[in-house]
């Protein structure tokens, strides 16, 4: 999914959120944020990188055998955050 596609999804679900900010600028912000998340995940050797509202990336080093040689490979598993339940009694709309 490209950054501009994410911008369109945001505009569809919450049209007022972005105000009058140009789509190209929002797309650059999204791309920069995803790049920083990618850097954090790449830099982590073991453990978890948690991103509020997005989820967590669990990182482990595992051994793989290829052509008779064992090599260490980084395994990354993403678990999406669960959506927060809407508060009871809050008016829709």
C-alpha atoms as a PDB file:
ATOM      1  CA  UNK A   1       0.000   0.000   0.000  1.00  0.00           C
ATOM      2  CA  UNK A   2       1.376   3.402  -0.945  1.00  0.00           C
ATOM      3  CA  UNK A   3       1.326   6.454   1.336  1.00  0.00           C
ATOM      4  CA  UNK A   4      -1.217   8.256  -0.846  1.00  0.00           C
ATOM      5  CA  UNK A   5      -3.530   5.245  -0.539  1.00  0.00           C
ATOM      6  CA  UNK A   6      -3.272   5.525   3.251  1.00  0.00           C
ATOM      7  CA  UNK A   7      -4.140   9.226   2.964  1.00  0.00           C
ATOM      8  CA  UNK A   8      -7.269   8.322   1.000  1.00  0.00           C
ATOM      9  CA  UNK A   9      -8.303   5.760   3.615  1.00  0.00           C
ATOM     10  CA  UNK A  10      -7.862   8.348   6.379  1.00  0.00           C
ATOM     11  CA  UNK A  11      -9.932  10.869   4.436  1.00  0.00           C
ATOM     12  CA  UNK A  12     -12.694   8.288   3.959  1.00  0.00           C
ATOM     13  CA  UNK A  13     -12.868   7.263   7.608  1.00  0.00           C
ATOM     14  CA  UNK A  14     -12.264  10.661   9.198  1.00  0.00           C
ATOM     15  CA  UNK A  15     -12.585  13.469   6.627  1.00  0.00           C
ATOM     16  CA  UNK A  16     -11.947  16.318   9.099  1.00  0.00           C
ATOM     17  CA  UNK A  17      -8.772  14.845  10.600  1.00  0.00           C
ATOM     18  CA  UNK A  18      -6.370  16.190   7.985  1.00  0.00           C
ATOM     19  CA  UNK A  19      -8.030  19.572   7.616  1.00  0.00           C
ATOM     20  CA  UNK A  20      -6.661  21.468   4.624  1.00  0.00           C
ATOM     21  CA  UNK A  21      -3.239  19.822   4.692  1.00  0.00           C
ATOM     22  CA  UNK A  22      -2.195  18.835   1.151  1.00  0.00           C
ATOM     23  CA  UNK A  23      -2.328  15.101   0.416  1.00  0.00           C
ATOM     24  CA  UNK A  24       1.311  15.073  -0.702  1.00  0.00           C
ATOM     25  CA  UNK A  25       2.475  16.497   2.633  1.00  0.00           C
ATOM     26  CA  UNK A  26       0.416  13.975   4.621  1.00  0.00           C
ATOM     27  CA  UNK A  27       1.822  11.182   2.437  1.00  0.00           C
ATOM     28  CA  UNK A  28       5.379  12.360   3.207  1.00  0.00           C
ATOM     29  CA  UNK A  29       4.618  12.363   6.955  1.00  0.00           C
ATOM     30  CA  UNK A  30       3.205   8.835   6.742  1.00  0.00           C
ATOM     31  CA  UNK A  31       6.200   7.622   4.718  1.00  0.00           C
ATOM     32  CA  UNK A  32       8.609   9.196   7.237  1.00  0.00           C
ATOM     33  CA  UNK A  33       6.779   7.578  10.166  1.00  0.00           C
ATOM     34  CA  UNK A  34       6.858   4.152   8.523  1.00  0.00           C
ATOM     35  CA  UNK A  35      10.548   4.572   7.700  1.00  0.00           C
ATOM     36  CA  UNK A  36      11.308   5.301  11.366  1.00  0.00           C
ATOM     37  CA  UNK A  37       9.298   2.257  12.482  1.00  0.00           C
ATOM     38  CA  UNK A  38      11.238   0.155   9.982  1.00  0.00           C
ATOM     39  CA  UNK A  39      14.544   1.477  11.364  1.00  0.00           C
ATOM     40  CA  UNK A  40      13.514   0.568  14.925  1.00  0.00           C
ATOM     41  CA  UNK A  41      12.538  -2.950  13.888  1.00  0.00           C
ATOM     42  CA  UNK A  42      15.743  -3.416  11.863  1.00  0.00           C
ATOM     43  CA  UNK A  43      17.922  -2.169  14.730  1.00  0.00           C
ATOM     44  CA  UNK A  44      16.374  -4.500  17.318  1.00  0.00           C
ATOM     45  CA  UNK A  45      18.155  -7.830  17.742  1.00  0.00           C
ATOM     46  CA  UNK A  46      15.707  -9.494  20.145  1.00  0.00           C
ATOM     47  CA  UNK A  47      12.537  -8.538  21.988  1.00  0.00           C
ATOM     48  CA  UNK A  48       9.639  -6.399  20.888  1.00  0.00           C
ATOM     49  CA  UNK A  49       9.110  -3.014  19.295  1.00  0.00           C
ATOM     50  CA  UNK A  50       5.688  -1.723  20.362  1.00  0.00           C
ATOM     51  CA  UNK A  51       3.885   1.031  18.474  1.00  0.00           C
ATOM     52  CA  UNK A  52       0.812   2.423  20.247  1.00  0.00           C
ATOM     53  CA  UNK A  53      -2.283   2.051  18.106  1.00  0.00           C
ATOM     54  CA  UNK A  54      -0.496  -0.113  15.540  1.00  0.00           C
ATOM     55  CA  UNK A  55       0.725  -3.195  17.400  1.00  0.00           C
ATOM     56  CA  UNK A  56       3.991  -4.897  18.186  1.00  0.00           C
ATOM     57  CA  UNK A  57       6.832  -6.405  16.220  1.00  0.00           C
ATOM     58  CA  UNK A  58       8.361  -9.416  18.000  1.00  0.00           C
ATOM     59  CA  UNK A  59      11.943 -10.021  16.968  1.00  0.00           C
ATOM     60  CA  UNK A  60      13.914 -13.249  17.421  1.00  0.00           C
ATOM     61  CA  UNK A  61      17.148 -14.617  16.064  1.00  0.00           C
ATOM     62  CA  UNK A  62      16.695 -18.139  14.705  1.00  0.00           C
ATOM     63  CA  UNK A  63      19.164 -20.564  13.175  1.00  0.00           C
ATOM     64  CA  UNK A  64      18.551 -21.761   9.645  1.00  0.00           C
ATOM     65  CA  UNK A  65      20.500 -24.345   7.751  1.00  0.00           C
ATOM     66  CA  UNK A  66      21.263 -23.662   4.115  1.00  0.00           C
ATOM     67  CA  UNK A  67      23.634 -25.752   2.017  1.00  0.00           C
ATOM     68  CA  UNK A  68      24.854 -27.516   5.162  1.00  0.00           C
ATOM     69  CA  UNK A  69      25.739 -24.269   6.942  1.00  0.00           C
ATOM     70  CA  UNK A  70      23.902 -22.835   9.910  1.00  0.00           C
ATOM     71  CA  UNK A  71      23.209 -19.118   9.783  1.00  0.00           C
ATOM     72  CA  UNK A  72      21.408 -16.762  12.131  1.00  0.00           C
ATOM     73  CA  UNK A  73      18.343 -15.113  10.643  1.00  0.00           C
ATOM     74  CA  UNK A  74      16.167 -12.409  12.151  1.00  0.00           C
ATOM     75  CA  UNK A  75      12.500 -13.401  12.384  1.00  0.00           C
ATOM     76  CA  UNK A  76       9.963 -10.598  12.781  1.00  0.00           C
ATOM     77  CA  UNK A  77       6.336 -11.290  13.698  1.00  0.00           C
ATOM     78  CA  UNK A  78       3.809  -8.459  13.648  1.00  0.00           C
ATOM     79  CA  UNK A  79       0.758  -8.563  15.904  1.00  0.00           C
ATOM     80  CA  UNK A  80      -1.830  -5.859  15.259  1.00  0.00           C
ATOM     81  CA  UNK A  81      -3.221  -3.869  18.172  1.00  0.00           C
ATOM     82  CA  UNK A  82      -6.803  -4.665  19.084  1.00  0.00           C
ATOM     83  CA  UNK A  83      -9.217  -1.822  18.295  1.00  0.00           C
ATOM     84  CA  UNK A  84     -10.480  -0.010  21.365  1.00  0.00           C
ATOM     85  CA  UNK A  85     -14.137  -0.608  22.152  1.00  0.00           C
ATOM     86  CA  UNK A  86     -16.402   2.408  21.835  1.00  0.00           C
ATOM     87  CA  UNK A  87     -17.631   3.785  25.131  1.00  0.00           C
ATOM     88  CA  UNK A  88     -21.224   2.883  25.994  1.00  0.00           C
ATOM     89  CA  UNK A  89     -23.673   5.731  25.865  1.00  0.00           C
ATOM     90  CA  UNK A  90     -21.624   7.823  23.433  1.00  0.00           C
ATOM     91  CA  UNK A  91     -23.733   9.183  20.598  1.00  0.00           C
ATOM     92  CA  UNK A  92     -22.763   8.072  17.088  1.00  0.00           C
ATOM     93  CA  UNK A  93     -22.303  10.551  14.345  1.00  0.00           C
END
